Amino acid sequence: MKKMNAIVTAGGIPRPEDPLYPYSNGSSKALIDVAGKPMVQWVLDALSAAKNIDQVIVIGLTAKSGVTCKKPLHFISNQGRMLANIVAGVNKSLELNPEGEYVAIVSSDIPALTGDMVDALVETAMETQDDIYYGVCPREVMEARFPTANRTYTKLKDMQVCGSDVNVIHVSMTTDHLDTWEALIGNRKSPLKQAGVIGVDTLLQLALGQFTLQGLVERASQRIGVKGRAIVWDRAEPCMDVDKPHQLELMREEMEKIQRAAKRKSARSLSERKITQKKATIKNKP
């Protein structure tokens, strides 16, 4: 399987009215501390571990931020708007790999993301040749994993879902239908407003819960003129973004728990190696 580049959107700076402003100290949201690391560093660690990611492009930070990645890492300044940032990221990706058809778009505020989740997304997406792959998480999956997350859900005929913050797009998406994408991205926190962009009839049907997930994908694809595919996650972490203080505290607690578990595992592994070495030394004694 061909690898793809990843674009990490990290340009957002909380305003005074933003709930996360007190935590950011006027700096990027991506640099808010989560369990001893900038929030975006957890995301970069996941991309480092992902076998299907080639190079990583971070939008909105510079090398001075101190964030690192085991993959080749490139920085691009904040272009001011989300769509402009994605366009700049795709252009950089094509500069790095002119043959690359797809890129992963990853938000900087999903610290619980792991490399195997990124690989699973890429592998699932590359089973077909669509233009955009948008992940969703069923409400029961999110609430089983993070019962206090208090996420906002879109009510469909067959399920309630929230959106993923790591998705895959074809590079042509940054040159076609830009006005529509601008409106959709600008309303990314409001599914009803996004439906209104696609059409008033779509808005009404969504508000009344008349769409199945597949039906909504087909309607949106037809109206925008793209081939879209919904990927239903059985993991909550790719959809657990940090927008509010209680979600930040939830992720701090979660990542600290993961760190403690990793340390215990490392300590056990070291102890087992020492015991094995000791036994080998005793066995080899004349």
C-alpha atoms as a PDB file:
ATOM      1  CA  MET A   1       0.000   0.000   0.000  1.00  0.00           C
ATOM      2  CA  LYS A   2       1.240   3.476  -0.888  1.00  0.00           C
ATOM      3  CA  LYS A   3       1.833   5.809   2.016  1.00  0.00           C
ATOM      4  CA  MET A   4       0.263   9.246   2.187  1.00  0.00           C
ATOM      5  CA  ASN A   5       1.296  12.524   3.780  1.00  0.00           C
ATOM      6  CA  ALA A   6      -0.549  13.956   6.764  1.00  0.00           C
ATOM      7  CA  ILE A   7      -1.573  17.579   7.267  1.00  0.00           C
ATOM      8  CA  VAL A   8      -1.995  18.639  10.891  1.00  0.00           C
ATOM      9  CA  THR A   9      -4.141  21.730  11.398  1.00  0.00           C
ATOM     10  CA  ALA A  10      -2.717  23.605  14.382  1.00  0.00           C
ATOM     11  CA  GLY A  11      -3.350  27.255  13.609  1.00  0.00           C
ATOM     12  CA  GLY A  12      -6.205  28.024  15.968  1.00  0.00           C
ATOM     13  CA  ILE A  13      -5.549  30.581  18.729  1.00  0.00           C
ATOM     14  CA  PRO A  14      -8.350  30.837  21.314  1.00  0.00           C
ATOM     15  CA  ARG A  15      -9.944  34.281  21.602  1.00  0.00           C
ATOM     16  CA  PRO A  16     -10.838  35.822  24.985  1.00  0.00           C
ATOM     17  CA  GLU A  17     -14.431  34.605  24.623  1.00  0.00           C
ATOM     18  CA  ASP A  18     -13.282  31.043  23.888  1.00  0.00           C
ATOM     19  CA  PRO A  19     -13.710  28.590  26.816  1.00  0.00           C
ATOM     20  CA  LEU A  20     -10.097  27.396  26.357  1.00  0.00           C
ATOM     21  CA  TYR A  21      -8.585  30.897  26.367  1.00  0.00           C
ATOM     22  CA  PRO A  22      -7.450  30.714  30.032  1.00  0.00           C
ATOM     23  CA  TYR A  23      -5.474  27.556  29.233  1.00  0.00           C
ATOM     24  CA  SER A  24      -3.705  28.831  26.124  1.00  0.00           C
ATOM     25  CA  ASN A  25      -1.968  31.951  27.476  1.00  0.00           C
ATOM     26  CA  GLY A  26      -2.650  33.655  24.155  1.00  0.00           C
ATOM     27  CA  SER A  27      -0.815  30.964  22.225  1.00  0.00           C
ATOM     28  CA  SER A  28      -1.985  28.215  19.898  1.00  0.00           C
ATOM     29  CA  LYS A  29      -4.609  25.794  21.154  1.00  0.00           C
ATOM     30  CA  ALA A  30      -2.370  23.015  19.837  1.00  0.00           C
ATOM     31  CA  LEU A  31       0.282  23.887  22.434  1.00  0.00           C
ATOM     32  CA  ILE A  32      -1.993  23.594  25.487  1.00  0.00           C
ATOM     33  CA  ASP A  33      -0.411  21.155  27.928  1.00  0.00           C
ATOM     34  CA  VAL A  34      -1.881  17.664  28.135  1.00  0.00           C
ATOM     35  CA  ALA A  35      -0.102  15.358  30.587  1.00  0.00           C
ATOM     36  CA  GLY A  36       3.238  17.097  30.211  1.00  0.00           C
ATOM     37  CA  LYS A  37       3.195  17.499  26.423  1.00  0.00           C
ATOM     38  CA  PRO A  38       1.724  20.037  24.019  1.00  0.00           C
ATOM     39  CA  MET A  39      -1.591  18.614  22.849  1.00  0.00           C
ATOM     40  CA  VAL A  40      -0.379  18.428  19.243  1.00  0.00           C
ATOM     41  CA  GLN A  41       2.663  16.396  20.293  1.00  0.00           C
ATOM     42  CA  TRP A  42       0.404  13.463  21.135  1.00  0.00           C
ATOM     43  CA  VAL A  43      -0.991  13.662  17.598  1.00  0.00           C
ATOM     44  CA  LEU A  44       2.512  13.820  16.121  1.00  0.00           C
ATOM     45  CA  ASP A  45       3.489  10.791  18.208  1.00  0.00           C
ATOM     46  CA  ALA A  46       0.566   8.892  16.674  1.00  0.00           C
ATOM     47  CA  LEU A  47       1.644   9.887  13.166  1.00  0.00           C
ATOM     48  CA  SER A  48       5.211   8.853  14.023  1.00  0.00           C
ATOM     49  CA  ALA A  49       3.921   5.390  14.849  1.00  0.00           C
ATOM     50  CA  ALA A  50       1.654   5.106  11.791  1.00  0.00           C
ATOM     51  CA  LYS A  51       3.140   2.845   9.113  1.00  0.00           C
ATOM     52  CA  ASN A  52       0.984   4.337   6.345  1.00  0.00           C
ATOM     53  CA  ILE A  53       2.057   7.954   6.868  1.00  0.00           C
ATOM     54  CA  ASP A  54       5.070   9.229   4.921  1.00  0.00           C
ATOM     55  CA  GLN A  55       5.687  12.910   5.767  1.00  0.00           C
ATOM     56  CA  VAL A  56       3.915  15.322   8.112  1.00  0.00           C
ATOM     57  CA  ILE A  57       2.991  18.951   7.453  1.00  0.00           C
ATOM     58  CA  VAL A  58       2.001  21.123  10.416  1.00  0.00           C
ATOM     59  CA  ILE A  59      -0.048  24.235   9.672  1.00  0.00           C
ATOM     60  CA  GLY A  60       0.113  27.143  12.096  1.00  0.00           C
ATOM     61  CA  LEU A  61       3.270  26.375  14.084  1.00  0.00           C
ATOM     62  CA  THR A  62       7.000  26.779  13.513  1.00  0.00           C
ATOM     63  CA  ALA A  63      10.019  24.707  14.450  1.00  0.00           C
ATOM     64  CA  LYS A  64      10.448  27.064  17.419  1.00  0.00           C
ATOM     65  CA  SER A  65       7.397  25.415  19.016  1.00  0.00           C
ATOM     66  CA  GLY A  66       9.654  22.480  19.880  1.00  0.00           C
ATOM     67  CA  VAL A  67       7.274  19.788  18.630  1.00  0.00           C
ATOM     68  CA  THR A  68       8.883  16.750  17.012  1.00  0.00           C
ATOM     69  CA  CYS A  69       8.007  13.793  14.809  1.00  0.00           C
ATOM     70  CA  LYS A  70       9.867  10.670  13.717  1.00  0.00           C
ATOM     71  CA  LYS A  71       8.620  11.290  10.176  1.00  0.00           C
ATOM     72  CA  PRO A  72      10.007  14.175   8.061  1.00  0.00           C
ATOM     73  CA  LEU A  73       8.326  17.256   9.525  1.00  0.00           C
ATOM     74  CA  HIS A  74       7.457  20.461   7.671  1.00  0.00           C
ATOM     75  CA  PHE A  75       5.929  23.684   8.980  1.00  0.00           C
ATOM     76  CA  ILE A  76       3.665  26.177   7.197  1.00  0.00           C
ATOM     77  CA  SER A  77       2.409  29.438   8.669  1.00  0.00           C
ATOM     78  CA  ASN A  78      -1.255  29.955   9.471  1.00  0.00           C
ATOM     79  CA  GLN A  79      -3.073  31.138   6.330  1.00  0.00           C
ATOM     80  CA  GLY A  80      -5.928  32.694   8.310  1.00  0.00           C
ATOM     81  CA  ARG A  81      -8.821  30.385   7.396  1.00  0.00           C
ATOM     82  CA  MET A  82      -9.250  26.638   7.711  1.00  0.00           C
ATOM     83  CA  LEU A  83      -9.772  26.062   3.985  1.00  0.00           C
ATOM     84  CA  ALA A  84      -6.746  28.212   3.092  1.00  0.00           C
ATOM     85  CA  ASN A  85      -4.682  26.188   5.566  1.00  0.00           C
ATOM     86  CA  ILE A  86      -5.775  22.896   4.007  1.00  0.00           C
ATOM     87  CA  VAL A  87      -5.088  24.205   0.490  1.00  0.00           C
ATOM     88  CA  ALA A  88      -1.596  25.305   1.561  1.00  0.00           C
ATOM     89  CA  GLY A  89      -1.006  21.926   3.175  1.00  0.00           C
ATOM     90  CA  VAL A  90      -2.083  20.018   0.071  1.00  0.00           C
ATOM     91  CA  ASN A  91       0.118  22.211  -2.125  1.00  0.00           C
ATOM     92  CA  LYS A  92       3.078  21.445   0.137  1.00  0.00           C
ATOM     93  CA  SER A  93       2.242  17.744   0.037  1.00  0.00           C
ATOM     94  CA  LEU A  94       2.223  17.818  -3.780  1.00  0.00           C
ATOM     95  CA  GLU A  95       5.555  19.646  -3.729  1.00  0.00           C
ATOM     96  CA  LEU A  96       6.985  16.869  -1.563  1.00  0.00           C
ATOM     97  CA  ASN A  97       5.331  14.087  -3.558  1.00  0.00           C
ATOM     98  CA  PRO A  98       3.816  15.118  -6.909  1.00  0.00           C
ATOM     99  CA  GLU A  99       2.402  11.598  -7.342  1.00  0.00           C
ATOM    100  CA  GLY A 100       0.506  11.610  -4.049  1.00  0.00           C
ATOM    101  CA  GLU A 101      -3.238  11.483  -4.700  1.00  0.00           C
ATOM    102  CA  TYR A 102      -4.520  11.457  -1.118  1.00  0.00           C
ATOM    103  CA  VAL A 103      -3.674  13.183   2.154  1.00  0.00           C
ATOM    104  CA  ALA A 104      -4.826  12.678   5.713  1.00  0.00           C
ATOM    105  CA  ILE A 105      -6.219  15.789   7.410  1.00  0.00           C
ATOM    106  CA  VAL A 106      -5.636  15.571  11.161  1.00  0.00           C
ATOM    107  CA  SER A 107      -6.745  17.992  13.854  1.00  0.00           C
ATOM    108  CA  SER A 108      -4.220  18.914  16.530  1.00  0.00           C
ATOM    109  CA  ASP A 109      -6.743  18.495  19.366  1.00  0.00           C
ATOM    110  CA  ILE A 110      -7.274  14.707  19.439  1.00  0.00           C
ATOM    111  CA  PRO A 111      -4.498  13.611  21.830  1.00  0.00           C
ATOM    112  CA  ALA A 112      -5.854  10.077  22.319  1.00  0.00           C
ATOM    113  CA  LEU A 113      -5.247   9.221  18.650  1.00  0.00           C
ATOM    114  CA  THR A 114      -2.841   6.317  18.068  1.00  0.00           C
ATOM    115  CA  GLY A 115      -0.776   5.115  15.141  1.00  0.00           C
ATOM    116  CA  ASP A 116      -2.834   1.966  14.627  1.00  0.00           C
ATOM    117  CA  MET A 117      -5.990   4.077  14.339  1.00  0.00           C
ATOM    118  CA  VAL A 118      -4.376   6.224  11.640  1.00  0.00           C
ATOM    119  CA  ASP A 119      -3.269   3.085   9.786  1.00  0.00           C
ATOM    120  CA  ALA A 120      -6.760   1.588  10.036  1.00  0.00           C
ATOM    121  CA  LEU A 121      -8.261   4.751   8.511  1.00  0.00           C
ATOM    122  CA  VAL A 122      -5.797   4.833   5.610  1.00  0.00           C
ATOM    123  CA  GLU A 123      -6.230   1.128   4.877  1.00  0.00           C
ATOM    124  CA  THR A 124     -10.035   1.356   4.996  1.00  0.00           C
ATOM    125  CA  ALA A 125     -10.087   4.466   2.804  1.00  0.00           C
ATOM    126  CA  MET A 126      -7.805   2.987   0.174  1.00  0.00           C
ATOM    127  CA  GLU A 127     -10.178   0.072  -0.395  1.00  0.00           C
ATOM    128  CA  THR A 128     -12.050   2.416  -2.757  1.00  0.00           C
ATOM    129  CA  GLN A 129     -11.283   5.458  -4.898  1.00  0.00           C
ATOM    130  CA  ASP A 130     -13.524   8.189  -3.547  1.00  0.00           C
ATOM    131  CA  ASP A 131     -12.872  11.916  -3.226  1.00  0.00           C
ATOM    132  CA  ILE A 132     -13.441  12.328   0.483  1.00  0.00           C
ATOM    133  CA  TYR A 133     -13.581   9.916   3.413  1.00  0.00           C
ATOM    134  CA  TYR A 134     -15.316  11.366   6.450  1.00  0.00           C
ATOM    135  CA  GLY A 135     -15.319   9.491   9.728  1.00  0.00           C
ATOM    136  CA  VAL A 136     -18.187   9.373  12.205  1.00  0.00           C
ATOM    137  CA  CYS A 137     -18.501   7.834  15.641  1.00  0.00           C
ATOM    138  CA  PRO A 138     -21.818   6.369  16.845  1.00  0.00           C
ATOM    139  CA  ARG A 139     -23.059   7.838  20.093  1.00  0.00           C
ATOM    140  CA  GLU A 140     -22.944   4.495  21.895  1.00  0.00           C
ATOM    141  CA  VAL A 141     -19.269   4.046  20.993  1.00  0.00           C
ATOM    142  CA  MET A 142     -18.327   7.525  22.225  1.00  0.00           C
ATOM    143  CA  GLU A 143     -20.310   7.303  25.446  1.00  0.00           C
ATOM    144  CA  ALA A 144     -19.015   3.815  26.255  1.00  0.00           C
ATOM    145  CA  ARG A 145     -15.434   5.089  26.001  1.00  0.00           C
ATOM    146  CA  PHE A 146     -15.850   8.657  27.278  1.00  0.00           C
ATOM    147  CA  PRO A 147     -19.175   8.839  29.142  1.00  0.00           C
ATOM    148  CA  THR A 148     -18.562  12.386  30.416  1.00  0.00           C
ATOM    149  CA  ALA A 149     -17.404  13.867  27.098  1.00  0.00           C
ATOM    150  CA  ASN A 150     -20.746  15.613  26.476  1.00  0.00           C
ATOM    151  CA  ARG A 151     -20.331  15.598  22.712  1.00  0.00           C
ATOM    152  CA  THR A 152     -22.874  17.054  20.271  1.00  0.00           C
ATOM    153  CA  TYR A 153     -24.544  14.440  18.048  1.00  0.00           C
ATOM    154  CA  THR A 154     -26.346  14.516  14.741  1.00  0.00           C
ATOM    155  CA  LYS A 155     -29.558  12.484  14.881  1.00  0.00           C
ATOM    156  CA  LEU A 156     -30.022  10.304  11.824  1.00  0.00           C
ATOM    157  CA  LYS A 157     -32.698   7.763  11.042  1.00  0.00           C
ATOM    158  CA  ASP A 158     -30.425   4.829  11.832  1.00  0.00           C
ATOM    159  CA  MET A 159     -28.007   6.259  14.405  1.00  0.00           C
ATOM    160  CA  GLN A 160     -26.713   9.302  16.258  1.00  0.00           C
ATOM    161  CA  VAL A 161     -23.167  10.305  15.347  1.00  0.00           C
ATOM    162  CA  CYS A 162     -20.441  12.849  15.971  1.00  0.00           C
ATOM    163  CA  GLY A 163     -17.722  13.674  13.486  1.00  0.00           C
ATOM    164  CA  SER A 164     -14.138  12.464  13.343  1.00  0.00           C
ATOM    165  CA  ASP A 165     -11.172  14.814  13.429  1.00  0.00           C
ATOM    166  CA  VAL A 166      -8.938  12.700  11.205  1.00  0.00           C
ATOM    167  CA  ASN A 167     -10.121  12.221   7.627  1.00  0.00           C
ATOM    168  CA  VAL A 168      -8.768  11.530   4.147  1.00  0.00           C
ATOM    169  CA  ILE A 169      -9.265  13.607   0.978  1.00  0.00           C
ATOM    170  CA  HIS A 170      -8.183  13.445  -2.639  1.00  0.00           C
ATOM    171  CA  VAL A 171      -5.874  16.352  -3.474  1.00  0.00           C
ATOM    172  CA  SER A 172      -8.346  17.579  -6.129  1.00  0.00           C
ATOM    173  CA  MET A 173     -10.693  18.621  -3.308  1.00  0.00           C
ATOM    174  CA  THR A 174      -8.619  21.776  -2.783  1.00  0.00           C
ATOM    175  CA  THR A 175      -9.182  23.013  -6.345  1.00  0.00           C
ATOM    176  CA  ASP A 176     -12.827  22.095  -6.977  1.00  0.00           C
ATOM    177  CA  HIS A 177     -16.014  23.470  -5.314  1.00  0.00           C
ATOM    178  CA  LEU A 178     -14.036  25.876  -3.096  1.00  0.00           C
ATOM    179  CA  ASP A 179     -17.010  28.105  -2.233  1.00  0.00           C
ATOM    180  CA  THR A 180     -19.001  25.119  -1.005  1.00  0.00           C
ATOM    181  CA  TRP A 181     -16.066  23.744   0.988  1.00  0.00           C
ATOM    182  CA  GLU A 182     -15.515  27.164   2.563  1.00  0.00           C
ATOM    183  CA  ALA A 183     -19.116  27.234   3.769  1.00  0.00           C
ATOM    184  CA  LEU A 184     -19.061  23.623   4.972  1.00  0.00           C
ATOM    185  CA  ILE A 185     -15.800  24.020   6.880  1.00  0.00           C
ATOM    186  CA  GLY A 186     -16.948  27.321   8.348  1.00  0.00           C
ATOM    187  CA  ASN A 187     -19.978  25.521   9.800  1.00  0.00           C
ATOM    188  CA  ARG A 188     -18.158  22.332  10.796  1.00  0.00           C
ATOM    189  CA  LYS A 189     -19.447  22.533  14.375  1.00  0.00           C
ATOM    190  CA  SER A 190     -23.073  22.712  13.230  1.00  0.00           C
ATOM    191  CA  PRO A 191     -24.373  19.796  11.119  1.00  0.00           C
ATOM    192  CA  LEU A 192     -27.675  21.590  10.531  1.00  0.00           C
ATOM    193  CA  LYS A 193     -25.922  24.648   9.083  1.00  0.00           C
ATOM    194  CA  GLN A 194     -23.816  22.369   6.910  1.00  0.00           C
ATOM    195  CA  ALA A 195     -26.989  20.708   5.653  1.00  0.00           C
ATOM    196  CA  GLY A 196     -28.349  24.164   4.825  1.00  0.00           C
ATOM    197  CA  VAL A 197     -25.329  24.778   2.607  1.00  0.00           C
ATOM    198  CA  ILE A 198     -26.167  21.619   0.641  1.00  0.00           C
ATOM    199  CA  GLY A 199     -29.833  22.647   0.311  1.00  0.00           C
ATOM    200  CA  VAL A 200     -32.923  23.712   2.250  1.00  0.00           C
ATOM    201  CA  ASP A 201     -34.594  20.358   1.600  1.00  0.00           C
ATOM    202  CA  THR A 202     -31.549  18.597   3.027  1.00  0.00           C
ATOM    203  CA  LEU A 203     -31.675  20.857   6.078  1.00  0.00           C
ATOM    204  CA  LEU A 204     -35.341  20.058   6.714  1.00  0.00           C
ATOM    205  CA  GLN A 205     -34.905  16.310   6.242  1.00  0.00           C
ATOM    206  CA  LEU A 206     -31.888  16.232   8.548  1.00  0.00           C
ATOM    207  CA  ALA A 207     -33.691  18.312  11.185  1.00  0.00           C
ATOM    208  CA  LEU A 208     -36.587  15.842  11.072  1.00  0.00           C
ATOM    209  CA  GLY A 209     -34.264  12.824  11.331  1.00  0.00           C
ATOM    210  CA  GLN A 210     -35.311  11.452   7.940  1.00  0.00           C
ATOM    211  CA  PHE A 211     -31.820  10.602   6.651  1.00  0.00           C
ATOM    212  CA  THR A 212     -29.904   7.401   7.168  1.00  0.00           C
ATOM    213  CA  LEU A 213     -26.119   7.861   7.220  1.00  0.00           C
ATOM    214  CA  GLN A 214     -25.756   6.413   3.735  1.00  0.00           C
ATOM    215  CA  GLY A 215     -28.651   8.502   2.460  1.00  0.00           C
ATOM    216  CA  LEU A 216     -27.064  11.679   3.768  1.00  0.00           C
ATOM    217  CA  VAL A 217     -23.720  10.771   2.177  1.00  0.00           C
ATOM    218  CA  GLU A 218     -25.408  10.136  -1.165  1.00  0.00           C
ATOM    219  CA  ARG A 219     -27.360  13.423  -1.025  1.00  0.00           C
ATOM    220  CA  ALA A 220     -24.288  15.469  -0.075  1.00  0.00           C
ATOM    221  CA  SER A 221     -22.136  13.787  -2.722  1.00  0.00           C
ATOM    222  CA  GLN A 222     -24.747  14.420  -5.413  1.00  0.00           C
ATOM    223  CA  ARG A 223     -25.269  18.074  -4.500  1.00  0.00           C
ATOM    224  CA  ILE A 224     -21.571  18.928  -4.165  1.00  0.00           C
ATOM    225  CA  GLY A 225     -20.483  16.811  -7.105  1.00  0.00           C
ATOM    226  CA  VAL A 226     -18.000  14.531  -5.353  1.00  0.00           C
ATOM    227  CA  LYS A 227     -17.709  10.859  -4.431  1.00  0.00           C
ATOM    228  CA  GLY A 228     -17.912  10.663  -0.663  1.00  0.00           C
ATOM    229  CA  ARG A 229     -17.705   7.752   1.725  1.00  0.00           C
ATOM    230  CA  ALA A 230     -18.571   7.641   5.412  1.00  0.00           C
ATOM    231  CA  ILE A 231     -16.285   5.618   7.648  1.00  0.00           C
ATOM    232  CA  VAL A 232     -17.987   4.497  10.851  1.00  0.00           C
ATOM    233  CA  TRP A 233     -15.471   4.246  13.669  1.00  0.00           C
ATOM    234  CA  ASP A 234     -15.640   1.561  16.320  1.00  0.00           C
ATOM    235  CA  ARG A 235     -13.144   3.606  18.334  1.00  0.00           C
ATOM    236  CA  ALA A 236     -13.987   6.906  20.000  1.00  0.00           C
ATOM    237  CA  GLU A 237     -10.492   8.418  20.216  1.00  0.00           C
ATOM    238  CA  PRO A 238     -10.294   9.842  16.654  1.00  0.00           C
ATOM    239  CA  CYS A 239     -13.537  11.714  17.330  1.00  0.00           C
ATOM    240  CA  MET A 240     -12.717  12.923  20.856  1.00  0.00           C
ATOM    241  CA  ASP A 241     -11.535  16.470  20.248  1.00  0.00           C
ATOM    242  CA  VAL A 242     -10.914  19.100  22.898  1.00  0.00           C
ATOM    243  CA  ASP A 243     -13.210  22.112  22.590  1.00  0.00           C
ATOM    244  CA  LYS A 244     -14.185  22.801  26.201  1.00  0.00           C
ATOM    245  CA  PRO A 245     -12.441  22.856  29.593  1.00  0.00           C
ATOM    246  CA  HIS A 246     -14.104  19.663  30.848  1.00  0.00           C
ATOM    247  CA  GLN A 247     -12.955  17.851  27.689  1.00  0.00           C
ATOM    248  CA  LEU A 248      -9.426  19.138  28.239  1.00  0.00           C
ATOM    249  CA  GLU A 249      -9.440  17.849  31.812  1.00  0.00           C
ATOM    250  CA  LEU A 250     -10.869  14.543  30.611  1.00  0.00           C
ATOM    251  CA  MET A 251      -8.033  14.164  28.095  1.00  0.00           C
ATOM    252  CA  ARG A 252      -5.404  15.184  30.638  1.00  0.00           C
ATOM    253  CA  GLU A 253      -6.626  12.469  32.974  1.00  0.00           C
ATOM    254  CA  GLU A 254      -6.826   9.939  30.145  1.00  0.00           C
ATOM    255  CA  MET A 255      -3.324  10.611  28.807  1.00  0.00           C
ATOM    256  CA  GLU A 256      -1.820  10.553  32.299  1.00  0.00           C
ATOM    257  CA  LYS A 257      -3.441   7.139  32.783  1.00  0.00           C
ATOM    258  CA  ILE A 258      -1.937   5.942  29.499  1.00  0.00           C
ATOM    259  CA  GLN A 259       1.491   7.254  30.523  1.00  0.00           C
ATOM    260  CA  ARG A 260       1.322   5.418  33.854  1.00  0.00           C
ATOM    261  CA  ALA A 261       0.341   2.192  32.116  1.00  0.00           C
ATOM    262  CA  ALA A 262       3.214   2.567  29.638  1.00  0.00           C
ATOM    263  CA  LYS A 263       5.697   3.099  32.462  1.00  0.00           C
ATOM    264  CA  ARG A 264       4.468  -0.012  34.292  1.00  0.00           C
ATOM    265  CA  LYS A 265       4.751  -2.047  31.097  1.00  0.00           C
ATOM    266  CA  SER A 266       8.262  -0.734  30.470  1.00  0.00           C
ATOM    267  CA  ALA A 267       9.307  -1.526  34.035  1.00  0.00           C
ATOM    268  CA  ARG A 268       7.932  -5.091  33.753  1.00  0.00           C
ATOM    269  CA  SER A 269       9.718  -5.576  30.445  1.00  0.00           C
ATOM    270  CA  LEU A 270      13.012  -4.359  31.902  1.00  0.00           C
ATOM    271  CA  SER A 271      12.608  -6.630  34.929  1.00  0.00           C
ATOM    272  CA  GLU A 272      11.860  -9.632  32.697  1.00  0.00           C
ATOM    273  CA  ARG A 273      14.953  -8.933  30.579  1.00  0.00           C
ATOM    274  CA  LYS A 274      17.130  -8.736  33.674  1.00  0.00           C
ATOM    275  CA  ILE A 275      15.755 -12.051  34.964  1.00  0.00           C
ATOM    276  CA  THR A 276      16.331 -13.679  31.561  1.00  0.00           C
ATOM    277  CA  GLN A 277      19.886 -12.347  31.412  1.00  0.00           C
ATOM    278  CA  LYS A 278      20.568 -13.539  34.965  1.00  0.00           C
ATOM    279  CA  LYS A 279      19.276 -17.030  34.166  1.00  0.00           C
ATOM    280  CA  ALA A 280      21.418 -17.147  31.037  1.00  0.00           C
ATOM    281  CA  THR A 281      24.490 -16.094  33.014  1.00  0.00           C
ATOM    282  CA  ILE A 282      23.896 -18.804  35.636  1.00  0.00           C
ATOM    283  CA  LYS A 283      23.301 -21.422  32.939  1.00  0.00           C
ATOM    284  CA  ASN A 284      26.514 -20.546  31.148  1.00  0.00           C
ATOM    285  CA  LYS A 285      28.675 -20.677  34.256  1.00  0.00           C
ATOM    286  CA  PRO A 286      31.132 -23.605  34.197  1.00  0.00           C
END
